Amino acid sequence: MTTKTKTPLPALSGGTQSLERAIALLRAVAASGADGARLADLMTGVGLSKATAHRLLMALSREGLIEQDSRSRRYHLGPDLDALGQLAAARHRPPAPADAVLSEGAVRPSAFLRPEYRGDSIPLATLLCDRHVHTADGARAALLHESVAGQTTELSFARLASDSARFATVLAGLGVVKGDRVAVLLPKGPELLIAALAIWRLGGVYMPLFATYTASAVAYRLAESEARAIITNGFLRRKLPRDNARPVVMVEGDEAIGPDTTLFWSALHEAAPLADVARYRESDALALIYTSESEPTPLGVSLPVKALSGIEQYMRIGLDLRDDDIYWNMADPGWAYGAYYGLVGPLLLGRTTIFCDGPYDVRQGYRMLTKFGVTNLTAAPSQIRAWHGADPGGNHQFALRILSVVGEPLPPDLIAWANRTVRVPLLDQYGQRETGIFIVNRYDPDATSQPGDGSLGRPMPGFRVVVLDPDGREAPVGGAGEIAIDVEKSPLFWFEAYANDPDRTARRFRHGRRYYLTGDWAFLDSDGNIHYRGRASDAILMQQGE
């Protein structure tokens, strides 16, 4: 018997990120079936530059995991991986029908359409917390919380699992059951993270309420959502309706506590941990987020479990989040961008969330960047403007590798200032509450070209984005129209309807269910870049308070 000696894989930049990209390429090649995959398909499907994709493919080829047909130039699974795959398939699932083929015009699935995000029995709390306890020995920080005074506290995944299991018992004792909506009116801090995980352990729906909401805005959302319980603190409790009959859990502080209040930490420490983890269907909501107070009738947008695929896609592809990154999403978790990619996303990937307490302050922002050595930062345009308006000057020593913004296109002079100040590209992203981010301006140091200057970027893998004319026809290159998502060819699209406004839902699909309409106007250039041209009256931002 002879032993085949493998040549060690070459050292690649990015460490674990290169491994993740290689795995994504293997998934994409596997999804191509017997036809094989072209290099261009793999670049689009996984979101890599030509140089990066080619380098990884060559390394995988040397290991026998991928091979290229010399005539068609298409990539197929290699003999070693094919044999392993057949063994795994025989054990875990029945073979696919021999006549199973992709339908005409079908889009290759995203590399992050993972089976654990699909089906009717998804243990959400396990995906977002418990599995990280086992893989990282529980020591990894789930949260770094910075107080206004500059004091840092840490919450590990092990502690988060334990505390959220106990708090789930507290909520269950207050009558919270699967499917119930629980309102969370809290500042950024460990209690918010623990409350969200506890709600998901019970199969409930996390409903964030932004701390600056007026009392009337809070009352509307509580009534319209039929929230089962409320979690808040003494300062924010004054915003609750005086006739509130729902159970209230209050984080301990200096404020007077009424007899009808459950104390957060006291009740948590007295409770036994809930042993069971509720199961969700892929279409079940895990969060309910309402639009701004400026809306005549705030719209409720439900985030389903299947949206985890798109969240992971954006975190890995759009933000280029790597294992060795220190990631800070400055958005408030009461807004969609903060909830999707500052709360759910880091938990999903087992990364540390950074919460900075108090109102935004430029000096505090600079201090946070240097104190924690942030390498991957995402912010609202208003925060970038604030930096520009209050730049303390001097030679800032930042560790930043990538900076992303979402909310609106930024003027060239502001982009130029940011690039000079933080010395990394400033990348704009585009999305809405109903969709998550689906157009990205990715930065890839290996790329031979980047998205065109002044454009929103290109569609993220998993979405087909088009521009529609007023009659609902796809506009040609250069033709102006409304940005739309081709639902039939966008496996990462998840929005179905508003929770409380069927008429507004119908306006989103006024040309039929084939196309979701954003309300924003743009044109598409010959390179696939989408150039923003204005906002219609019903377009909804992911970042508010602009």
Protein backbone atom coordinates (compact mmCIF):
# COMPACT_ATOMS: atom_id res chain seq x y z
CA MET A 1 0.00 0.00 0.00
CA THR A 2 1.40 3.38 -1.00
CA THR A 3 0.70 6.65 0.73
CA LYS A 4 0.03 9.81 -1.24
CA THR A 5 2.03 12.72 0.13
CA LYS A 6 0.30 16.09 0.04
CA THR A 7 2.08 19.32 -0.60
CA PRO A 8 1.29 21.70 2.26
CA LEU A 9 -1.14 24.45 1.38
CA PRO A 10 0.68 27.72 0.73
CA ALA A 11 0.47 30.44 3.31
CA LEU A 12 -2.40 32.72 2.39
CA SER A 13 -3.22 36.17 3.66
CA GLY A 14 -6.24 36.38 5.95
CA GLY A 15 -5.65 33.22 8.07
CA THR A 16 -8.97 31.64 8.95
CA GLN A 17 -10.67 33.97 6.46
CA SER A 18 -8.85 32.16 3.63
CA LEU A 19 -10.16 28.85 4.98
CA GLU A 20 -13.71 30.24 5.05
CA ARG A 21 -13.34 31.45 1.45
CA ALA A 22 -11.96 28.07 0.37
CA ILE A 23 -14.92 26.32 2.00
CA ALA A 24 -17.29 28.74 0.29
CA LEU A 25 -15.65 27.90 -3.06
CA LEU A 26 -16.08 24.17 -2.38
CA ARG A 27 -19.76 24.71 -1.59
CA ALA A 28 -20.23 26.73 -4.77
CA VAL A 29 -18.51 24.08 -6.91
CA ALA A 30 -20.63 21.38 -5.28
CA ALA A 31 -23.80 23.40 -6.00
CA SER A 32 -22.91 23.51 -9.71
CA GLY A 33 -23.49 19.75 -10.01
CA ALA A 34 -22.22 17.70 -12.90
CA ASP A 35 -21.94 20.75 -15.21
CA GLY A 36 -19.12 22.20 -13.18
CA ALA A 37 -18.56 25.86 -12.40
CA ARG A 38 -16.86 28.58 -14.39
CA LEU A 39 -14.37 30.86 -12.68
CA ALA A 40 -16.68 33.82 -13.35
CA ASP A 41 -19.59 31.99 -11.66
CA LEU A 42 -17.47 31.24 -8.61
CA MET A 43 -16.26 34.83 -8.37
CA THR A 44 -19.85 36.11 -8.44
CA GLY A 45 -21.31 33.43 -6.20
CA VAL A 46 -18.72 33.75 -3.45
CA GLY A 47 -17.88 37.43 -3.89
CA LEU A 48 -14.15 37.08 -4.58
CA SER A 49 -11.82 38.85 -6.95
CA LYS A 50 -10.35 36.89 -9.84
CA ALA A 51 -6.92 36.80 -8.25
CA THR A 52 -8.18 35.56 -4.89
CA ALA A 53 -10.50 32.93 -6.40
CA HIS A 54 -7.78 31.64 -8.74
CA ARG A 55 -5.20 31.41 -5.96
CA LEU A 56 -7.53 29.43 -3.69
CA LEU A 57 -8.65 27.16 -6.51
CA MET A 58 -5.05 26.30 -7.33
CA ALA A 59 -4.35 25.43 -3.70
CA LEU A 60 -7.47 23.24 -3.54
CA SER A 61 -6.51 21.60 -6.82
CA ARG A 62 -3.08 20.66 -5.50
CA GLU A 63 -4.80 18.95 -2.58
CA GLY A 64 -7.08 16.91 -4.87
CA LEU A 65 -10.19 18.68 -3.57
CA ILE A 66 -10.99 20.41 -6.87
CA GLU A 67 -10.04 19.68 -10.47
CA GLN A 68 -10.43 21.65 -13.69
CA ASP A 69 -11.58 20.13 -16.97
CA SER A 70 -8.92 21.01 -19.54
CA ARG A 71 -11.43 21.45 -22.38
CA SER A 72 -14.39 23.22 -20.76
CA ARG A 73 -12.23 25.07 -18.19
CA ARG A 74 -14.92 24.34 -15.61
CA TYR A 75 -14.16 23.33 -12.04
CA HIS A 76 -15.48 20.12 -10.46
CA LEU A 77 -15.07 18.46 -7.10
CA GLY A 78 -11.81 16.52 -7.01
CA PRO A 79 -11.50 12.77 -6.57
CA ASP A 80 -10.54 12.93 -2.90
CA LEU A 81 -13.45 15.18 -1.96
CA ASP A 82 -15.84 13.24 -4.17
CA ALA A 83 -15.07 10.00 -2.34
CA LEU A 84 -15.49 11.66 1.06
CA GLY A 85 -18.73 13.26 -0.04
CA GLN A 86 -20.22 9.96 -1.17
CA LEU A 87 -19.40 8.38 2.18
CA ALA A 88 -20.99 11.30 4.05
CA ALA A 89 -24.07 11.27 1.80
CA ALA A 90 -24.60 7.55 2.33
CA ARG A 91 -24.62 8.10 6.07
CA HIS A 92 -26.59 11.32 6.43
CA ARG A 93 -29.08 11.54 3.57
CA PRO A 94 -30.57 9.50 0.73
CA PRO A 95 -29.08 10.04 -2.74
CA ALA A 96 -30.62 12.75 -4.90
CA PRO A 97 -32.86 11.65 -7.79
CA ALA A 98 -30.86 10.93 -10.92
CA ASP A 99 -32.90 13.39 -12.95
CA ALA A 100 -32.54 16.26 -10.50
CA VAL A 101 -31.27 19.34 -12.38
CA LEU A 102 -31.39 23.08 -11.87
CA SER A 103 -34.34 24.73 -13.56
CA GLU A 104 -33.72 27.01 -16.51
CA GLY A 105 -32.46 30.39 -15.37
CA ALA A 106 -32.05 29.34 -11.74
CA VAL A 107 -29.52 31.25 -9.66
CA ARG A 108 -26.74 29.30 -7.99
CA PRO A 109 -27.46 29.25 -4.25
CA SER A 110 -25.42 31.29 -1.84
CA ALA A 111 -22.53 29.54 -0.14
CA PHE A 112 -24.18 30.50 3.14
CA LEU A 113 -27.61 28.94 2.54
CA ARG A 114 -26.83 26.54 5.34
CA PRO A 115 -29.21 23.66 6.16
CA GLU A 116 -29.25 24.64 9.83
CA TYR A 117 -31.13 27.84 8.90
CA ARG A 118 -33.86 25.86 7.10
CA GLY A 119 -36.68 23.53 8.08
CA ASP A 120 -39.20 23.32 10.91
CA SER A 121 -36.99 22.58 13.93
CA ILE A 122 -34.31 25.27 14.27
CA PRO A 123 -32.82 25.76 17.78
CA LEU A 124 -32.18 29.48 17.49
CA ALA A 125 -30.58 29.99 20.92
CA THR A 126 -28.20 27.13 20.17
CA LEU A 127 -27.14 28.71 16.86
CA LEU A 128 -26.66 32.15 18.41
CA CYS A 129 -24.98 31.17 21.67
CA ASP A 130 -24.78 27.62 23.00
CA ARG A 131 -22.73 26.10 20.17
CA HIS A 132 -20.05 28.76 20.69
CA VAL A 133 -19.72 27.71 24.32
CA HIS A 134 -18.73 24.22 23.22
CA THR A 135 -16.38 25.26 20.40
CA ALA A 136 -14.57 28.03 22.30
CA ASP A 137 -14.73 26.56 25.81
CA GLY A 138 -17.07 29.39 26.71
CA ALA A 139 -14.16 31.78 27.26
CA ARG A 140 -14.68 33.96 24.19
CA ALA A 141 -16.32 37.32 24.93
CA ALA A 142 -19.85 37.64 23.61
CA LEU A 143 -19.92 41.29 24.70
CA LEU A 144 -17.52 44.08 25.59
CA HIS A 145 -19.52 46.86 27.22
CA GLU A 146 -18.01 50.31 27.57
CA SER A 147 -19.72 52.68 30.02
CA VAL A 148 -19.88 56.43 29.62
CA ALA A 149 -17.23 56.67 32.35
CA GLY A 150 -14.87 54.48 30.32
CA GLN A 151 -15.24 51.30 32.40
CA THR A 152 -15.21 48.05 30.39
CA THR A 153 -17.08 44.91 31.41
CA GLU A 154 -17.02 41.58 29.60
CA LEU A 155 -19.72 38.96 29.15
CA SER A 156 -18.50 35.58 27.92
CA PHE A 157 -20.55 33.22 25.78
CA ALA A 158 -20.62 30.77 28.71
CA ARG A 159 -22.01 33.42 31.05
CA LEU A 160 -24.46 34.59 28.39
CA ALA A 161 -25.73 31.03 27.98
CA SER A 162 -26.15 30.57 31.72
CA ASP A 163 -27.76 33.96 32.45
CA SER A 164 -30.12 33.81 29.46
CA ALA A 165 -31.25 30.31 30.48
CA ARG A 166 -32.11 31.60 33.95
CA PHE A 167 -33.82 34.71 32.61
CA ALA A 168 -35.86 32.53 30.23
CA THR A 169 -37.28 30.86 33.32
CA VAL A 170 -38.18 34.30 34.69
CA LEU A 171 -40.01 35.24 31.48
CA ALA A 172 -41.79 31.88 31.37
CA GLY A 173 -43.02 32.55 34.89
CA LEU A 174 -44.54 35.81 33.64
CA GLY A 175 -46.52 33.89 31.01
CA VAL A 176 -44.26 34.33 27.98
CA VAL A 177 -44.64 31.40 25.57
CA LYS A 178 -43.56 30.49 22.04
CA GLY A 179 -44.56 33.14 19.50
CA ASP A 180 -45.06 35.93 22.06
CA ARG A 181 -43.58 39.33 21.36
CA VAL A 182 -41.49 40.77 24.18
CA ALA A 183 -40.62 44.49 24.15
CA VAL A 184 -37.10 45.45 25.19
CA LEU A 185 -36.69 49.13 26.10
CA LEU A 186 -33.10 49.19 27.34
CA PRO A 187 -29.85 51.03 26.66
CA LYS A 188 -26.94 49.12 25.15
CA GLY A 189 -25.59 46.77 27.79
CA PRO A 190 -25.39 43.14 28.96
CA GLU A 191 -29.05 43.07 30.02
CA LEU A 192 -30.12 43.68 26.42
CA LEU A 193 -28.08 40.72 25.16
CA ILE A 194 -29.28 38.44 27.97
CA ALA A 195 -32.92 39.44 27.40
CA ALA A 196 -32.76 38.78 23.65
CA LEU A 197 -31.23 35.30 24.13
CA ALA A 198 -33.80 34.46 26.81
CA ILE A 199 -36.63 35.42 24.48
CA TRP A 200 -35.18 33.18 21.75
CA ARG A 201 -34.81 30.29 24.20
CA LEU A 202 -38.57 30.45 24.69
CA GLY A 203 -39.33 30.72 20.97
CA GLY A 204 -40.46 34.32 21.33
CA VAL A 205 -40.06 37.44 19.19
CA TYR A 206 -37.55 40.09 20.28
CA MET A 207 -39.04 43.59 19.81
CA PRO A 208 -36.52 46.40 20.40
CA LEU A 209 -37.78 49.85 21.36
CA PHE A 210 -35.34 52.68 20.73
CA ALA A 211 -34.44 54.53 23.93
CA THR A 212 -35.22 57.98 22.44
CA TYR A 213 -38.80 57.06 21.47
CA THR A 214 -41.49 59.35 22.91
CA ALA A 215 -44.04 57.90 25.30
CA SER A 216 -46.68 57.94 22.55
CA ALA A 217 -44.36 56.05 20.16
CA VAL A 218 -43.74 53.40 22.82
CA ALA A 219 -47.45 53.11 23.57
CA TYR A 220 -48.33 52.68 19.88
CA ARG A 221 -45.82 49.87 19.38
CA LEU A 222 -46.81 48.06 22.55
CA ALA A 223 -50.47 48.12 21.61
CA GLU A 224 -50.08 47.36 17.92
CA SER A 225 -47.71 44.44 18.51
CA GLU A 226 -49.72 43.02 21.43
CA ALA A 227 -46.48 42.62 23.35
CA ARG A 228 -46.74 40.07 26.12
CA ALA A 229 -44.16 41.61 28.48
CA ILE A 230 -41.76 44.56 28.77
CA ILE A 231 -38.12 44.67 29.87
CA THR A 232 -36.80 48.12 30.79
CA ASN A 233 -35.01 50.13 33.47
CA GLY A 234 -36.17 52.74 35.95
CA PHE A 235 -35.24 55.76 33.83
CA LEU A 236 -37.01 54.51 30.69
CA ARG A 237 -40.00 53.04 32.51
CA ARG A 238 -41.54 56.51 32.67
CA LYS A 239 -42.20 56.14 28.92
CA LEU A 240 -44.57 53.22 29.49
CA PRO A 241 -48.33 53.90 29.40
CA ARG A 242 -49.81 54.63 32.82
CA ASP A 243 -52.50 52.04 32.23
CA ASN A 244 -50.02 49.35 31.25
CA ALA A 245 -51.21 45.93 32.41
CA ARG A 246 -48.37 43.88 30.95
CA PRO A 247 -45.74 42.30 33.20
CA VAL A 248 -42.71 44.57 33.58
CA VAL A 249 -39.15 43.44 34.29
CA MET A 250 -36.91 46.28 35.45
CA VAL A 251 -33.14 46.37 35.70
CA GLU A 252 -32.17 47.41 39.21
CA GLY A 253 -31.05 50.99 39.77
CA ASP A 254 -31.64 53.93 42.11
CA GLU A 255 -35.22 54.52 41.04
CA ALA A 256 -38.20 53.61 43.18
CA ILE A 257 -39.59 50.17 42.41
CA GLY A 258 -43.30 49.42 42.45
CA PRO A 259 -44.83 46.25 43.88
CA ASP A 260 -45.87 45.02 40.42
CA THR A 261 -42.31 44.96 39.08
CA THR A 262 -39.99 41.97 38.61
CA LEU A 263 -36.36 42.83 39.27
CA PHE A 264 -34.06 41.69 36.47
CA TRP A 265 -30.93 40.51 38.28
CA SER A 266 -32.59 39.42 41.52
CA ALA A 267 -35.11 37.25 39.69
CA LEU A 268 -32.43 35.90 37.33
CA HIS A 269 -30.16 34.73 40.15
CA GLU A 270 -33.05 33.08 41.99
CA ALA A 271 -34.27 31.17 38.91
CA ALA A 272 -33.19 27.72 37.78
CA PRO A 273 -31.84 27.63 34.21
CA LEU A 274 -34.32 26.58 31.55
CA ALA A 275 -33.12 23.27 30.16
CA ASP A 276 -35.02 23.24 26.87
CA VAL A 277 -34.34 25.34 23.79
CA ALA A 278 -37.39 26.21 21.68
CA ARG A 279 -37.47 25.27 18.00
CA TYR A 280 -38.43 27.68 15.22
CA ARG A 281 -39.61 27.15 11.68
CA GLU A 282 -37.62 28.98 9.02
CA SER A 283 -40.58 31.30 8.39
CA ASP A 284 -41.08 32.14 12.09
CA ALA A 285 -40.17 35.65 13.20
CA LEU A 286 -37.26 36.06 15.59
CA ALA A 287 -37.56 39.87 15.76
CA LEU A 288 -40.14 42.59 15.04
CA ILE A 289 -38.78 46.04 14.24
CA TYR A 290 -40.89 49.13 13.65
CA THR A 291 -40.08 52.06 11.41
CA SER A 292 -39.40 55.61 12.53
CA GLU A 293 -41.63 57.97 14.47
CA SER A 294 -41.63 60.13 11.33
CA GLU A 295 -43.84 57.55 9.57
CA PRO A 296 -47.58 58.42 9.73
CA THR A 297 -48.23 54.78 10.56
CA PRO A 298 -45.05 52.99 11.72
CA LEU A 299 -44.64 49.73 9.84
CA GLY A 300 -43.78 46.47 11.56
CA VAL A 301 -41.11 44.40 9.80
CA SER A 302 -40.68 40.80 10.97
CA LEU A 303 -37.25 39.20 10.67
CA PRO A 304 -37.66 35.47 9.93
CA VAL A 305 -35.18 32.80 10.92
CA LYS A 306 -34.33 32.08 7.27
CA ALA A 307 -32.87 35.62 7.07
CA LEU A 308 -29.86 34.27 8.98
CA SER A 309 -28.46 33.17 5.61
CA GLY A 310 -28.42 36.75 4.34
CA ILE A 311 -27.03 38.05 7.63
CA GLU A 312 -24.12 35.61 7.47
CA GLN A 313 -23.56 36.41 3.79
CA TYR A 314 -23.27 40.12 4.50
CA MET A 315 -21.08 39.71 7.58
CA ARG A 316 -18.59 37.53 5.70
CA ILE A 317 -18.83 38.95 2.16
CA GLY A 318 -20.09 42.53 2.49
CA LEU A 319 -18.14 43.42 5.64
CA ASP A 320 -15.29 40.96 5.04
CA LEU A 321 -15.45 40.04 8.73
CA ARG A 322 -12.53 37.77 9.66
CA ASP A 323 -11.85 35.66 12.72
CA ASP A 324 -9.02 37.92 13.83
CA ASP A 325 -11.02 41.14 13.37
CA ILE A 326 -12.10 43.36 16.26
CA TYR A 327 -15.55 44.32 14.97
CA TRP A 328 -17.57 47.33 16.09
CA ASN A 329 -21.00 48.14 14.69
CA MET A 330 -21.79 51.59 16.03
CA ALA A 331 -25.49 51.42 15.08
CA ASP A 332 -28.00 51.22 17.90
CA PRO A 333 -29.57 47.74 18.17
CA GLY A 334 -32.98 49.43 18.15
CA TRP A 335 -32.51 50.08 14.41
CA ALA A 336 -32.53 47.36 11.80
CA TYR A 337 -28.85 47.66 10.88
CA GLY A 338 -27.81 47.45 14.51
CA ALA A 339 -30.19 44.58 15.27
CA TYR A 340 -29.27 42.53 12.18
CA TYR A 341 -25.51 43.12 12.06
CA GLY A 342 -24.63 44.42 15.53
CA LEU A 343 -26.64 41.95 17.61
CA VAL A 344 -27.76 38.88 15.63
CA GLY A 345 -24.80 38.76 13.21
CA PRO A 346 -21.96 38.67 15.76
CA LEU A 347 -23.85 36.10 17.86
CA LEU A 348 -24.42 33.95 14.79
CA LEU A 349 -20.73 33.94 13.89
CA GLY A 350 -19.51 33.68 17.50
CA ARG A 351 -17.83 37.09 17.38
CA THR A 352 -17.64 39.71 20.10
CA THR A 353 -20.24 42.48 20.17
CA ILE A 354 -19.06 45.91 21.32
CA PHE A 355 -21.64 48.14 23.02
CA CYS A 356 -20.76 51.72 23.86
CA ASP A 357 -23.09 53.31 26.38
CA GLY A 358 -24.60 56.76 26.27
CA PRO A 359 -25.20 59.24 23.43
CA TYR A 360 -22.71 59.24 20.60
CA ASP A 361 -19.62 61.34 21.27
CA VAL A 362 -16.79 61.80 18.77
CA ARG A 363 -14.05 61.77 21.41
CA GLN A 364 -15.48 58.58 22.87
CA GLY A 365 -15.54 57.07 19.38
CA TYR A 366 -11.85 57.83 18.83
CA ARG A 367 -11.03 56.43 22.26
CA MET A 368 -12.93 53.21 21.54
CA LEU A 369 -11.10 52.70 18.23
CA THR A 370 -7.71 52.92 19.88
CA LYS A 371 -8.58 51.21 23.19
CA PHE A 372 -9.94 48.05 21.60
CA GLY A 373 -7.82 48.12 18.44
CA VAL A 374 -10.92 48.00 16.21
CA THR A 375 -10.05 46.62 12.77
CA ASN A 376 -13.52 46.36 11.19
CA LEU A 377 -15.85 49.30 11.78
CA THR A 378 -19.30 50.07 10.44
CA ALA A 379 -21.10 53.33 11.13
CA ALA A 380 -23.97 55.56 10.08
CA PRO A 381 -23.33 58.48 7.71
CA SER A 382 -24.32 60.87 10.51
CA GLN A 383 -21.50 59.48 12.65
CA ILE A 384 -18.96 60.00 9.85
CA ARG A 385 -20.21 63.57 9.48
CA ALA A 386 -19.79 64.07 13.21
CA TRP A 387 -16.19 62.88 12.95
CA HIS A 388 -15.61 65.35 10.14
CA GLY A 389 -17.15 68.22 12.07
CA ALA A 390 -15.24 67.57 15.29
CA ASP A 391 -11.96 66.08 14.10
CA PRO A 392 -9.52 66.59 16.98
CA GLY A 393 -6.63 66.51 14.52
CA GLY A 394 -3.33 64.88 15.20
CA ASN A 395 -1.90 61.62 13.97
CA HIS A 396 -4.40 58.96 15.01
CA GLN A 397 -2.94 55.48 15.43
CA PHE A 398 -5.79 53.25 14.31
CA ALA A 399 -5.72 49.53 13.62
CA LEU A 400 -8.60 49.81 11.13
CA ARG A 401 -8.55 47.52 8.11
CA ILE A 402 -12.01 48.29 6.72
CA LEU A 403 -14.70 50.95 7.31
CA SER A 404 -18.28 50.56 6.05
CA VAL A 405 -21.29 52.88 6.15
CA VAL A 406 -24.95 52.36 5.34
CA GLY A 407 -27.84 54.74 5.04
CA GLU A 408 -27.18 57.12 2.17
CA PRO A 409 -24.51 57.94 -0.43
CA LEU A 410 -21.73 60.11 0.95
CA PRO A 411 -20.28 63.14 -0.86
CA PRO A 412 -16.77 62.72 -2.34
CA ASP A 413 -15.19 65.28 -0.01
CA LEU A 414 -16.38 63.39 3.08
CA ILE A 415 -15.10 60.11 1.66
CA ALA A 416 -11.74 61.72 0.91
CA TRP A 417 -11.50 63.13 4.45
CA ALA A 418 -12.31 59.76 6.01
CA ASN A 419 -9.76 58.00 3.83
CA ARG A 420 -7.07 60.47 4.88
CA THR A 421 -8.03 60.27 8.56
CA VAL A 422 -8.43 56.52 9.08
CA ARG A 423 -6.26 55.50 6.10
CA VAL A 424 -8.60 52.79 4.83
CA PRO A 425 -11.27 52.80 2.11
CA LEU A 426 -14.71 54.05 3.15
CA LEU A 427 -17.22 51.58 1.65
CA ASP A 428 -20.90 52.40 1.21
CA GLN A 429 -23.59 49.71 1.50
CA TYR A 430 -27.27 49.70 0.58
CA GLY A 431 -30.27 47.92 2.04
CA GLN A 432 -33.59 48.29 3.83
CA ARG A 433 -35.28 46.83 6.89
CA GLU A 434 -37.28 44.54 4.66
CA THR A 435 -34.26 43.07 2.87
CA GLY A 436 -31.11 43.54 4.86
CA ILE A 437 -28.09 44.75 2.89
CA PHE A 438 -28.14 43.55 -0.70
CA ILE A 439 -25.85 45.99 -2.56
CA VAL A 440 -22.25 46.22 -1.40
CA ASN A 441 -19.09 48.13 -2.24
CA ARG A 442 -16.68 45.41 -1.18
CA TYR A 443 -13.03 46.20 -0.83
CA ASP A 444 -10.69 43.40 -1.91
CA PRO A 445 -6.97 44.22 -1.91
CA ASP A 446 -6.42 41.50 -4.53
CA ALA A 447 -9.04 42.86 -6.93
CA THR A 448 -7.94 44.35 -10.24
CA SER A 449 -10.89 46.76 -10.15
CA GLN A 450 -13.34 48.05 -7.57
CA PRO A 451 -16.97 49.20 -7.99
CA GLY A 452 -17.19 52.48 -9.86
CA ASP A 453 -16.75 55.77 -8.07
CA GLY A 454 -20.02 57.22 -6.84
CA SER A 455 -21.98 53.98 -7.21
CA LEU A 456 -23.88 52.11 -4.54
CA GLY A 457 -21.90 49.05 -5.56
CA ARG A 458 -22.94 45.68 -6.94
CA PRO A 459 -25.52 43.14 -5.85
CA MET A 460 -24.39 40.85 -3.07
CA PRO A 461 -24.22 37.15 -4.01
CA GLY A 462 -27.65 35.66 -3.41
CA PHE A 463 -29.52 38.63 -4.92
CA ARG A 464 -30.42 39.62 -8.46
CA VAL A 465 -30.97 43.39 -8.55
CA VAL A 466 -32.59 45.13 -11.50
CA VAL A 467 -33.81 48.60 -12.45
CA LEU A 468 -37.49 48.76 -13.47
CA ASP A 469 -39.13 51.38 -15.64
CA PRO A 470 -42.59 52.79 -14.63
CA ASP A 471 -44.31 49.93 -16.47
CA GLY A 472 -42.43 47.25 -14.54
CA ARG A 473 -40.01 46.31 -17.35
CA GLU A 474 -36.32 45.82 -16.68
CA ALA A 475 -34.52 48.92 -17.92
CA PRO A 476 -31.48 48.57 -20.19
CA VAL A 477 -27.96 49.55 -19.15
CA GLY A 478 -27.92 53.28 -18.50
CA GLY A 479 -31.70 53.50 -18.25
CA ALA A 480 -33.05 55.12 -15.07
CA GLY A 481 -35.73 53.48 -12.98
CA GLU A 482 -36.58 52.03 -9.60
CA ILE A 483 -34.21 49.65 -7.82
CA ALA A 484 -35.91 46.27 -7.48
CA ILE A 485 -35.04 42.75 -6.37
CA ASP A 486 -35.88 39.86 -8.65
CA VAL A 487 -37.49 37.70 -5.96
CA GLU A 488 -37.58 34.51 -8.04
CA LYS A 489 -33.81 34.65 -8.60
CA SER A 490 -32.75 35.94 -5.18
CA PRO A 491 -32.44 33.02 -2.76
CA LEU A 492 -31.45 35.35 0.10
CA PHE A 493 -34.58 37.53 -0.18
CA TRP A 494 -36.91 36.97 2.78
CA PHE A 495 -39.52 39.75 3.09
CA GLU A 496 -43.15 38.66 2.77
CA ALA A 497 -45.37 41.41 4.22
CA TYR A 498 -45.63 44.16 6.79
CA ALA A 499 -47.11 43.00 10.07
CA ASN A 500 -49.69 45.77 10.10
CA ASP A 501 -50.24 47.33 6.65
CA PRO A 502 -51.34 45.19 3.66
CA ASP A 503 -51.71 48.28 1.46
CA ARG A 504 -48.05 49.23 1.91
CA THR A 505 -47.12 45.61 1.27
CA ALA A 506 -49.01 45.74 -2.04
CA ARG A 507 -47.08 48.86 -3.05
CA ARG A 508 -43.82 47.00 -2.58
CA PHE A 509 -45.05 44.37 -5.07
CA ARG A 510 -47.17 46.55 -7.36
CA HIS A 511 -45.78 44.80 -10.47
CA GLY A 512 -46.51 41.38 -9.00
CA ARG A 513 -44.64 39.15 -6.56
CA ARG A 514 -41.77 38.71 -9.03
CA TYR A 515 -40.24 42.07 -8.06
CA TYR A 516 -39.77 43.77 -4.69
CA LEU A 517 -39.64 47.57 -5.20
CA THR A 518 -37.38 49.66 -3.00
CA GLY A 519 -38.76 53.11 -3.78
CA ASP A 520 -35.26 54.31 -4.68
CA TRP A 521 -34.20 55.42 -8.16
CA ALA A 522 -30.98 54.52 -9.93
CA PHE A 523 -29.41 53.31 -13.16
CA LEU A 524 -27.23 50.29 -13.91
CA ASP A 525 -23.92 50.71 -15.76
CA SER A 526 -22.26 48.20 -18.08
CA ASP A 527 -20.04 46.84 -15.28
CA GLY A 528 -23.00 45.97 -13.06
CA ASN A 529 -22.63 48.98 -10.74
CA ILE A 530 -25.82 50.60 -9.46
CA HIS A 531 -25.81 54.41 -9.34
CA TYR A 532 -28.22 56.08 -6.91
CA ARG A 533 -30.37 58.92 -8.23
CA GLY A 534 -32.88 59.73 -5.49
CA ARG A 535 -35.31 58.47 -2.88
CA ALA A 536 -39.02 58.03 -3.34
CA SER A 537 -41.33 59.03 -0.51
CA ASP A 538 -41.91 55.50 0.82
CA ALA A 539 -38.30 54.28 0.87
CA ILE A 540 -37.35 53.03 4.34
CA LEU A 541 -33.82 53.31 5.68
CA MET A 542 -32.04 50.78 7.84
CA GLN A 543 -30.37 53.58 9.79
CA GLN A 544 -32.48 56.37 11.25
CA GLY A 545 -31.81 59.48 13.22
CA GLU A 546 -29.92 60.86 10.24
